[in-house]
């Protein structure tokens, strides 16, 4: 991936397109954890791709591309939320997620496990849902999540711990 990032930084449009294709599913999952409507998610992703294209030359270290892109996405999600004055989507209902996953071609076990994960997320408090998506869904570390969400690492840890406790009571 770092080679693609280097090519994209040097102006290779094909490399940039490949990077966006590789990142598309991750961006959708993160945006769905933050925003409620599919239209808002699509807007956030579109804005993120445009911002990334315009500013990729500013990326200092190619190995942090995924973190850099996620930070742009979260900023765009926050902006869309502020503009629309909606509640953040932490409540993804099963039908909405199912229609999204069917459109994207998720299949079999992957679709079922993603749906179960989203159902579990719906039981968490708003402040924990994005953290759970980033930690368990996108495999970010606690320090990366703290940096992305501009939170203290201990806050991230405690929200993960409280969320796990809540989920244990449900399951």
N, C-alpha and C. Protein backbone atom coordinates (compact mmCIF):
# COMPACT_ATOMS: atom_id res chain seq x y z
N UNK A 1 0.83 -1.19 0.00
CA UNK A 1 0.00 0.00 0.00
C UNK A 1 0.87 1.25 0.00
N UNK A 2 2.01 1.19 0.67
CA UNK A 2 2.87 2.38 0.74
C UNK A 2 3.36 2.81 -0.64
N UNK A 3 3.61 1.82 -1.52
CA UNK A 3 4.04 2.16 -2.87
C UNK A 3 2.93 2.88 -3.64
N UNK A 4 1.69 2.41 -3.45
CA UNK A 4 0.55 3.10 -4.09
C UNK A 4 0.44 4.53 -3.59
N UNK A 5 0.64 4.71 -2.30
CA UNK A 5 0.56 6.05 -1.71
C UNK A 5 1.64 6.95 -2.31
N UNK A 6 2.84 6.42 -2.44
CA UNK A 6 3.93 7.21 -3.02
C UNK A 6 3.62 7.59 -4.47
N UNK A 7 3.06 6.65 -5.22
CA UNK A 7 2.69 6.95 -6.61
C UNK A 7 1.59 8.00 -6.66
N UNK A 8 0.59 7.85 -5.76
CA UNK A 8 -0.51 8.82 -5.73
C UNK A 8 0.01 10.21 -5.34
N UNK A 9 0.94 10.25 -4.41
CA UNK A 9 1.52 11.55 -4.01
C UNK A 9 2.24 12.22 -5.18
N UNK A 10 2.81 11.41 -6.04
CA UNK A 10 3.54 11.97 -7.19
C UNK A 10 2.62 12.31 -8.36
N UNK A 11 1.28 12.11 -8.16
CA UNK A 11 0.32 12.53 -9.18
C UNK A 11 -0.26 11.40 -10.01
N UNK A 12 0.01 10.16 -9.67
CA UNK A 12 -0.53 9.02 -10.42
C UNK A 12 -1.99 8.81 -10.05
N UNK A 13 -2.89 9.16 -10.96
CA UNK A 13 -4.33 9.08 -10.70
C UNK A 13 -4.79 7.63 -10.55
N UNK A 14 -4.21 6.71 -11.31
CA UNK A 14 -4.57 5.29 -11.20
C UNK A 14 -4.24 4.76 -9.81
N UNK A 15 -3.10 5.13 -9.28
CA UNK A 15 -2.71 4.69 -7.93
C UNK A 15 -3.69 5.24 -6.90
N UNK A 16 -4.09 6.48 -7.08
CA UNK A 16 -5.05 7.08 -6.14
C UNK A 16 -6.38 6.34 -6.21
N UNK A 17 -6.84 6.02 -7.40
CA UNK A 17 -8.11 5.29 -7.55
C UNK A 17 -8.02 3.92 -6.88
N UNK A 18 -6.91 3.24 -7.03
CA UNK A 18 -6.72 1.94 -6.37
C UNK A 18 -6.76 2.09 -4.86
N UNK A 19 -6.13 3.13 -4.35
CA UNK A 19 -6.16 3.38 -2.90
C UNK A 19 -7.59 3.60 -2.41
N UNK A 20 -8.35 4.35 -3.16
CA UNK A 20 -9.73 4.62 -2.75
C UNK A 20 -10.58 3.35 -2.82
N UNK A 21 -10.35 2.53 -3.82
CA UNK A 21 -11.08 1.26 -3.92
C UNK A 21 -10.75 0.36 -2.74
N UNK A 22 -9.49 0.32 -2.34
CA UNK A 22 -9.08 -0.49 -1.20
C UNK A 22 -9.65 0.04 0.11
N UNK A 23 -9.88 1.33 0.18
CA UNK A 23 -10.34 1.97 1.42
C UNK A 23 -11.84 2.14 1.49
N UNK A 24 -12.55 1.89 0.40
CA UNK A 24 -13.98 2.19 0.30
C UNK A 24 -14.81 1.51 1.39
N UNK A 25 -14.63 0.23 1.59
CA UNK A 25 -15.44 -0.49 2.59
C UNK A 25 -15.15 0.01 4.01
N UNK A 26 -13.88 0.27 4.31
CA UNK A 26 -13.54 0.80 5.63
C UNK A 26 -14.20 2.16 5.86
N UNK A 27 -14.16 3.00 4.84
CA UNK A 27 -14.78 4.33 4.97
C UNK A 27 -16.28 4.20 5.19
N UNK A 28 -16.93 3.29 4.48
CA UNK A 28 -18.38 3.12 4.63
C UNK A 28 -18.74 2.67 6.04
N UNK A 29 -17.97 1.71 6.56
CA UNK A 29 -18.27 1.22 7.91
C UNK A 29 -18.10 2.32 8.96
N UNK A 30 -17.05 3.08 8.84
CA UNK A 30 -16.81 4.17 9.81
C UNK A 30 -17.89 5.24 9.67
N UNK A 31 -18.21 5.61 8.45
CA UNK A 31 -19.23 6.65 8.24
C UNK A 31 -20.60 6.19 8.71
N UNK A 32 -20.95 4.92 8.48
CA UNK A 32 -22.23 4.40 8.96
C UNK A 32 -22.28 4.37 10.48
N UNK A 33 -21.14 4.22 11.13
CA UNK A 33 -21.13 4.24 12.60
C UNK A 33 -21.36 5.65 13.12
N UNK A 34 -21.17 6.64 12.28
CA UNK A 34 -21.29 8.03 12.71
C UNK A 34 -22.57 8.70 12.20
N UNK A 35 -22.94 8.44 10.97
CA UNK A 35 -24.08 9.10 10.33
C UNK A 35 -25.22 8.12 10.12
N UNK A 36 -26.43 8.61 10.09
CA UNK A 36 -27.60 7.73 10.00
C UNK A 36 -28.02 7.42 8.57
N UNK A 37 -28.07 8.40 7.75
CA UNK A 37 -28.65 8.22 6.41
C UNK A 37 -27.59 7.85 5.38
N UNK A 38 -27.99 6.98 4.46
CA UNK A 38 -27.08 6.55 3.40
C UNK A 38 -26.60 7.75 2.57
N UNK A 39 -27.48 8.72 2.38
CA UNK A 39 -27.12 9.90 1.59
C UNK A 39 -25.99 10.67 2.29
N UNK A 40 -26.09 10.79 3.61
CA UNK A 40 -25.05 11.49 4.36
C UNK A 40 -23.73 10.73 4.31
N UNK A 41 -23.81 9.41 4.39
CA UNK A 41 -22.61 8.57 4.29
C UNK A 41 -21.96 8.77 2.92
N UNK A 42 -22.76 8.73 1.88
CA UNK A 42 -22.24 8.92 0.52
C UNK A 42 -21.60 10.30 0.38
N UNK A 43 -22.24 11.33 0.94
CA UNK A 43 -21.66 12.68 0.89
C UNK A 43 -20.33 12.75 1.62
N UNK A 44 -20.28 12.14 2.79
CA UNK A 44 -19.05 12.16 3.58
C UNK A 44 -17.91 11.46 2.84
N UNK A 45 -18.22 10.33 2.22
CA UNK A 45 -17.19 9.60 1.49
C UNK A 45 -16.75 10.38 0.26
N UNK A 46 -17.70 10.96 -0.44
CA UNK A 46 -17.36 11.76 -1.62
C UNK A 46 -16.47 12.94 -1.23
N UNK A 47 -16.84 13.64 -0.17
CA UNK A 47 -16.03 14.77 0.29
C UNK A 47 -14.64 14.30 0.72
N UNK A 48 -14.58 13.13 1.35
CA UNK A 48 -13.30 12.60 1.81
C UNK A 48 -12.39 12.27 0.64
N UNK A 49 -12.95 11.65 -0.39
CA UNK A 49 -12.14 11.32 -1.56
C UNK A 49 -11.62 12.59 -2.23
N UNK A 50 -12.47 13.58 -2.36
CA UNK A 50 -12.06 14.84 -2.96
C UNK A 50 -10.97 15.52 -2.12
N UNK A 51 -11.19 15.59 -0.80
CA UNK A 51 -10.19 16.20 0.09
C UNK A 51 -8.86 15.44 0.04
N UNK A 52 -8.94 14.13 0.03
CA UNK A 52 -7.72 13.32 -0.02
C UNK A 52 -6.97 13.56 -1.33
N UNK A 53 -7.71 13.62 -2.43
CA UNK A 53 -7.08 13.85 -3.73
C UNK A 53 -6.39 15.22 -3.76
N UNK A 54 -7.07 16.22 -3.21
CA UNK A 54 -6.51 17.57 -3.23
C UNK A 54 -5.32 17.74 -2.30
N UNK A 55 -5.25 16.94 -1.24
CA UNK A 55 -4.23 17.16 -0.22
C UNK A 55 -3.27 16.00 -0.01
N UNK A 56 -3.30 15.01 -0.88
CA UNK A 56 -2.42 13.84 -0.66
C UNK A 56 -0.95 14.23 -0.68
N UNK A 57 -0.62 15.28 -1.38
CA UNK A 57 0.78 15.72 -1.41
C UNK A 57 1.25 16.21 -0.04
N UNK A 58 0.33 16.52 0.86
CA UNK A 58 0.68 16.98 2.21
C UNK A 58 0.92 15.83 3.19
N UNK A 59 0.56 14.60 2.80
CA UNK A 59 0.76 13.44 3.66
C UNK A 59 2.25 13.23 3.84
N UNK A 60 2.71 13.27 5.08
CA UNK A 60 4.15 13.18 5.35
C UNK A 60 4.67 11.76 5.27
N UNK A 61 3.97 10.83 5.93
CA UNK A 61 4.44 9.45 5.98
C UNK A 61 3.40 8.52 5.35
N UNK A 62 3.75 7.90 4.25
CA UNK A 62 2.80 7.02 3.55
C UNK A 62 2.24 5.88 4.42
N UNK A 63 2.99 5.44 5.42
CA UNK A 63 2.49 4.34 6.25
C UNK A 63 1.29 4.76 7.09
N UNK A 64 1.04 6.06 7.24
CA UNK A 64 -0.10 6.55 8.01
C UNK A 64 -1.27 6.96 7.11
N UNK A 65 -1.27 6.49 5.87
CA UNK A 65 -2.32 6.86 4.94
C UNK A 65 -3.71 6.53 5.48
N UNK A 66 -3.90 5.32 6.00
CA UNK A 66 -5.22 4.90 6.47
C UNK A 66 -5.70 5.79 7.62
N UNK A 67 -4.82 6.10 8.54
CA UNK A 67 -5.17 6.98 9.66
C UNK A 67 -5.49 8.38 9.16
N UNK A 68 -4.69 8.88 8.25
CA UNK A 68 -4.90 10.20 7.66
C UNK A 68 -6.25 10.27 6.96
N UNK A 69 -6.57 9.24 6.18
CA UNK A 69 -7.83 9.20 5.45
C UNK A 69 -9.02 9.12 6.42
N UNK A 70 -8.88 8.32 7.47
CA UNK A 70 -9.96 8.20 8.46
C UNK A 70 -10.18 9.52 9.18
N UNK A 71 -9.14 10.25 9.48
CA UNK A 71 -9.28 11.55 10.14
C UNK A 71 -10.04 12.51 9.23
N UNK A 72 -9.73 12.51 7.94
CA UNK A 72 -10.46 13.35 6.98
C UNK A 72 -11.93 12.94 6.98
N UNK A 73 -12.19 11.64 6.93
CA UNK A 73 -13.57 11.13 6.93
C UNK A 73 -14.32 11.57 8.18
N UNK A 74 -13.71 11.43 9.34
CA UNK A 74 -14.38 11.83 10.58
C UNK A 74 -14.65 13.33 10.61
N UNK A 75 -13.73 14.12 10.10
CA UNK A 75 -13.97 15.57 10.01
C UNK A 75 -15.16 15.86 9.10
N UNK A 76 -15.24 15.17 7.98
CA UNK A 76 -16.36 15.38 7.06
C UNK A 76 -17.67 14.91 7.67
N UNK A 77 -17.65 13.79 8.38
CA UNK A 77 -18.86 13.31 9.06
C UNK A 77 -19.34 14.33 10.09
N UNK A 78 -18.40 14.88 10.84
CA UNK A 78 -18.74 15.88 11.85
C UNK A 78 -19.35 17.11 11.19
N UNK A 79 -18.79 17.53 10.08
CA UNK A 79 -19.30 18.70 9.36
C UNK A 79 -20.72 18.44 8.84
N UNK A 80 -20.95 17.28 8.28
CA UNK A 80 -22.29 16.93 7.78
C UNK A 80 -23.28 16.91 8.94
N UNK A 81 -22.87 16.34 10.05
CA UNK A 81 -23.73 16.30 11.24
C UNK A 81 -24.07 17.73 11.70
N UNK A 82 -23.09 18.59 11.76
CA UNK A 82 -23.33 19.97 12.20
C UNK A 82 -24.27 20.70 11.24
N UNK A 83 -24.07 20.49 9.96
CA UNK A 83 -24.89 21.18 8.97
C UNK A 83 -26.35 20.72 9.02
N UNK A 84 -26.54 19.46 9.23
CA UNK A 84 -27.91 18.94 9.18
C UNK A 84 -28.59 18.95 10.54
N UNK A 85 -27.82 19.14 11.60
CA UNK A 85 -28.36 19.16 12.97
C UNK A 85 -29.11 17.87 13.30
N UNK A 86 -28.60 16.77 12.79
CA UNK A 86 -29.20 15.47 13.07
C UNK A 86 -28.44 14.80 14.19
N UNK A 87 -29.07 13.80 14.76
CA UNK A 87 -28.37 12.97 15.73
C UNK A 87 -27.35 12.13 14.98
N UNK A 88 -26.17 11.87 15.58
CA UNK A 88 -25.24 10.99 14.89
C UNK A 88 -25.85 9.61 14.77
N UNK A 89 -25.53 8.93 13.75
CA UNK A 89 -26.13 7.61 13.55
C UNK A 89 -25.40 6.61 14.36
N UNK A 90 -25.83 6.33 15.34
CA UNK A 90 -25.26 5.23 16.05
C UNK A 90 -26.30 4.15 16.03
N UNK A 91 -27.53 4.48 15.59
CA UNK A 91 -28.61 3.49 15.51
C UNK A 91 -28.79 3.05 14.07
N UNK A 92 -28.04 2.04 13.70
CA UNK A 92 -28.19 1.48 12.36
C UNK A 92 -29.19 0.35 12.50
N UNK A 93 -30.35 0.50 11.87
CA UNK A 93 -31.33 -0.59 12.00
C UNK A 93 -30.97 -1.71 11.03
N UNK A 94 -31.48 -2.88 11.29
CA UNK A 94 -31.10 -4.07 10.54
C UNK A 94 -31.45 -3.95 9.06
N UNK A 95 -32.64 -3.41 8.75
CA UNK A 95 -33.04 -3.32 7.34
C UNK A 95 -32.12 -2.38 6.57
N UNK A 96 -31.78 -1.26 7.18
CA UNK A 96 -30.92 -0.29 6.51
C UNK A 96 -29.55 -0.89 6.24
N UNK A 97 -28.99 -1.56 7.26
CA UNK A 97 -27.68 -2.16 7.08
C UNK A 97 -27.73 -3.31 6.08
N UNK A 98 -28.80 -4.09 6.14
CA UNK A 98 -28.94 -5.22 5.22
C UNK A 98 -29.01 -4.73 3.78
N UNK A 99 -29.77 -3.67 3.53
CA UNK A 99 -29.86 -3.15 2.17
C UNK A 99 -28.52 -2.60 1.72
N UNK A 100 -27.79 -1.98 2.63
CA UNK A 100 -26.45 -1.47 2.31
C UNK A 100 -25.52 -2.63 1.97
N UNK A 101 -25.51 -3.67 2.80
CA UNK A 101 -24.58 -4.76 2.58
C UNK A 101 -24.94 -5.55 1.33
N UNK A 102 -26.23 -5.68 0.99
CA UNK A 102 -26.61 -6.38 -0.22
C UNK A 102 -26.17 -5.59 -1.46
N UNK A 103 -26.30 -4.29 -1.39
CA UNK A 103 -25.88 -3.46 -2.51
C UNK A 103 -24.38 -3.57 -2.74
N UNK A 104 -23.64 -3.75 -1.67
CA UNK A 104 -22.19 -3.78 -1.78
C UNK A 104 -21.65 -5.18 -2.03
N UNK A 105 -22.53 -6.17 -2.09
CA UNK A 105 -22.09 -7.50 -2.45
C UNK A 105 -21.49 -8.30 -1.31
N UNK A 106 -21.78 -7.95 -0.08
CA UNK A 106 -21.33 -8.77 1.02
C UNK A 106 -22.08 -10.09 0.94
N UNK A 107 -21.41 -11.16 1.28
CA UNK A 107 -22.09 -12.44 1.11
C UNK A 107 -21.93 -13.32 2.33
N UNK A 108 -22.90 -14.24 2.47
CA UNK A 108 -22.83 -15.33 3.43
C UNK A 108 -22.42 -14.95 4.83
N UNK A 109 -21.37 -15.57 5.29
CA UNK A 109 -20.91 -15.42 6.67
C UNK A 109 -20.48 -13.98 6.94
N UNK A 110 -19.80 -13.36 5.99
CA UNK A 110 -19.35 -11.99 6.19
C UNK A 110 -20.54 -11.06 6.41
N UNK A 111 -21.58 -11.22 5.60
CA UNK A 111 -22.78 -10.40 5.73
C UNK A 111 -23.43 -10.63 7.09
N UNK A 112 -23.55 -11.89 7.50
CA UNK A 112 -24.18 -12.21 8.77
C UNK A 112 -23.39 -11.65 9.94
N UNK A 113 -22.06 -11.81 9.91
CA UNK A 113 -21.27 -11.32 11.03
C UNK A 113 -21.28 -9.80 11.09
N UNK A 114 -21.25 -9.13 9.92
CA UNK A 114 -21.33 -7.67 9.90
C UNK A 114 -22.67 -7.20 10.46
N UNK A 115 -23.74 -7.89 10.09
CA UNK A 115 -25.07 -7.54 10.57
C UNK A 115 -25.16 -7.74 12.08
N UNK A 116 -24.62 -8.83 12.58
CA UNK A 116 -24.62 -9.08 14.02
C UNK A 116 -23.81 -8.02 14.75
N UNK A 117 -22.66 -7.64 14.18
CA UNK A 117 -21.82 -6.61 14.79
C UNK A 117 -22.59 -5.29 14.86
N UNK A 118 -23.28 -4.93 13.79
CA UNK A 118 -24.04 -3.68 13.77
C UNK A 118 -25.21 -3.74 14.76
N UNK A 119 -25.83 -4.91 14.89
CA UNK A 119 -26.90 -5.07 15.88
C UNK A 119 -26.36 -4.86 17.29
N UNK A 120 -25.18 -5.39 17.56
CA UNK A 120 -24.57 -5.20 18.88
C UNK A 120 -24.22 -3.74 19.11
N UNK A 121 -23.72 -3.08 18.08
CA UNK A 121 -23.38 -1.66 18.21
C UNK A 121 -24.60 -0.83 18.61
N UNK A 122 -25.75 -1.22 18.13
CA UNK A 122 -26.98 -0.47 18.42
C UNK A 122 -27.31 -0.47 19.91
N UNK A 123 -26.77 -1.42 20.67
CA UNK A 123 -27.04 -1.50 22.11
C UNK A 123 -26.06 -0.66 22.94
N UNK A 124 -25.08 -0.10 22.30
CA UNK A 124 -24.07 0.67 23.02
C UNK A 124 -24.47 2.14 23.12
N UNK A 125 -23.96 2.83 24.13
CA UNK A 125 -24.20 4.27 24.20
C UNK A 125 -23.53 4.98 23.01
N UNK A 126 -24.07 6.11 22.64
CA UNK A 126 -23.56 6.85 21.48
C UNK A 126 -22.06 7.07 21.54
N UNK A 127 -21.56 7.42 22.70
CA UNK A 127 -20.15 7.76 22.83
C UNK A 127 -19.22 6.57 22.57
N UNK A 128 -19.75 5.36 22.63
CA UNK A 128 -18.92 4.16 22.44
C UNK A 128 -19.01 3.55 21.05
N UNK A 129 -20.01 3.87 20.29
CA UNK A 129 -20.24 3.17 19.02
C UNK A 129 -19.14 3.38 18.00
N UNK A 130 -18.72 4.61 17.81
CA UNK A 130 -17.66 4.87 16.84
C UNK A 130 -16.37 4.23 17.32
N UNK A 131 -16.13 4.29 18.62
CA UNK A 131 -14.92 3.68 19.17
C UNK A 131 -14.92 2.18 18.90
N UNK A 132 -16.05 1.51 19.13
CA UNK A 132 -16.14 0.08 18.87
C UNK A 132 -15.94 -0.22 17.39
N UNK A 133 -16.52 0.59 16.51
CA UNK A 133 -16.35 0.36 15.08
C UNK A 133 -14.89 0.50 14.68
N UNK A 134 -14.23 1.52 15.19
CA UNK A 134 -12.82 1.71 14.84
C UNK A 134 -11.93 0.61 15.43
N UNK A 135 -12.22 0.20 16.68
CA UNK A 135 -11.37 -0.78 17.35
C UNK A 135 -11.61 -2.19 16.83
N UNK A 136 -12.85 -2.63 16.84
CA UNK A 136 -13.14 -4.01 16.45
C UNK A 136 -13.40 -4.15 14.95
N UNK A 137 -14.03 -3.15 14.35
CA UNK A 137 -14.35 -3.25 12.93
C UNK A 137 -13.19 -2.90 12.02
N UNK A 138 -12.43 -1.88 12.38
CA UNK A 138 -11.35 -1.41 11.52
C UNK A 138 -9.96 -1.73 12.05
N UNK A 139 -9.88 -2.32 13.23
CA UNK A 139 -8.61 -2.77 13.82
C UNK A 139 -7.63 -1.64 14.15
N UNK A 140 -8.15 -0.47 14.52
CA UNK A 140 -7.28 0.60 14.96
C UNK A 140 -6.87 0.33 16.40
N UNK A 141 -5.69 0.81 16.77
CA UNK A 141 -5.23 0.67 18.15
C UNK A 141 -5.90 1.74 19.01
N UNK A 142 -5.81 1.57 20.31
CA UNK A 142 -6.39 2.54 21.24
C UNK A 142 -5.76 3.91 21.05
N UNK A 143 -4.44 3.94 20.89
CA UNK A 143 -3.78 5.24 20.71
C UNK A 143 -4.18 5.90 19.39
N UNK A 144 -4.38 5.11 18.34
CA UNK A 144 -4.83 5.67 17.06
C UNK A 144 -6.24 6.24 17.18
N UNK A 145 -7.11 5.52 17.88
CA UNK A 145 -8.48 5.99 18.07
C UNK A 145 -8.48 7.28 18.87
N UNK A 146 -7.69 7.31 19.93
CA UNK A 146 -7.60 8.52 20.76
C UNK A 146 -7.15 9.70 19.91
N UNK A 147 -6.17 9.47 19.06
CA UNK A 147 -5.68 10.54 18.20
C UNK A 147 -6.74 10.97 17.19
N UNK A 148 -7.40 10.00 16.56
CA UNK A 148 -8.42 10.32 15.55
C UNK A 148 -9.60 11.09 16.14
N UNK A 149 -10.06 10.66 17.32
CA UNK A 149 -11.24 11.28 17.92
C UNK A 149 -10.89 12.42 18.88
N UNK A 150 -9.60 12.68 19.01
CA UNK A 150 -9.12 13.74 19.89
C UNK A 150 -9.60 13.52 21.33
N UNK A 151 -9.38 12.29 21.79
CA UNK A 151 -9.74 11.90 23.15
C UNK A 151 -8.49 11.41 23.86
N UNK A 152 -8.56 11.37 25.18
CA UNK A 152 -7.51 10.78 25.98
C UNK A 152 -7.55 9.26 25.80
N UNK A 153 -6.39 8.60 25.79
CA UNK A 153 -6.36 7.15 25.63
C UNK A 153 -7.15 6.45 26.74
N UNK A 154 -7.08 6.97 27.94
CA UNK A 154 -7.82 6.35 29.05
C UNK A 154 -9.33 6.46 28.83
N UNK A 155 -9.76 7.52 28.20
CA UNK A 155 -11.19 7.67 27.89
C UNK A 155 -11.61 6.59 26.89
N UNK A 156 -10.79 6.36 25.88
CA UNK A 156 -11.08 5.32 24.90
C UNK A 156 -11.13 3.96 25.59
N UNK A 157 -10.16 3.69 26.44
CA UNK A 157 -10.11 2.41 27.15
C UNK A 157 -11.35 2.22 28.04
N UNK A 158 -11.72 3.26 28.75
CA UNK A 158 -12.87 3.12 29.65
C UNK A 158 -14.17 2.93 28.86
N UNK A 159 -14.32 3.61 27.74
CA UNK A 159 -15.53 3.43 26.92
C UNK A 159 -15.57 2.03 26.31
N UNK A 160 -14.42 1.52 25.92
CA UNK A 160 -14.37 0.14 25.43
C UNK A 160 -14.75 -0.83 26.54
N UNK A 161 -14.20 -0.61 27.72
CA UNK A 161 -14.48 -1.49 28.86
C UNK A 161 -15.96 -1.46 29.24
N UNK A 162 -16.52 -0.25 29.36
CA UNK A 162 -17.94 -0.13 29.71
C UNK A 162 -18.83 -0.75 28.64
N UNK A 163 -18.47 -0.55 27.39
CA UNK A 163 -19.24 -1.12 26.30
C UNK A 163 -19.20 -2.64 26.32
N UNK A 164 -18.03 -3.20 26.59
CA UNK A 164 -17.91 -4.66 26.68
C UNK A 164 -18.77 -5.21 27.80
N UNK A 165 -18.77 -4.51 28.92
CA UNK A 165 -19.59 -4.93 30.06
C UNK A 165 -21.08 -4.92 29.69
N UNK A 166 -21.50 -3.90 29.00
CA UNK A 166 -22.90 -3.82 28.57
C UNK A 166 -23.25 -4.95 27.61
N UNK A 167 -22.35 -5.23 26.70
CA UNK A 167 -22.61 -6.29 25.73
C UNK A 167 -22.63 -7.67 26.39
N UNK A 168 -21.82 -7.85 27.41
CA UNK A 168 -21.84 -9.13 28.14
C UNK A 168 -23.19 -9.37 28.79
N UNK A 169 -23.81 -8.33 29.28
CA UNK A 169 -25.14 -8.46 29.91
C UNK A 169 -26.19 -8.84 28.87
N UNK A 170 -26.02 -8.36 27.65
CA UNK A 170 -26.99 -8.62 26.58
C UNK A 170 -26.82 -10.04 26.05
N UNK A 171 -25.58 -10.41 25.80
CA UNK A 171 -25.29 -11.73 25.20
C UNK A 171 -25.31 -12.75 26.28
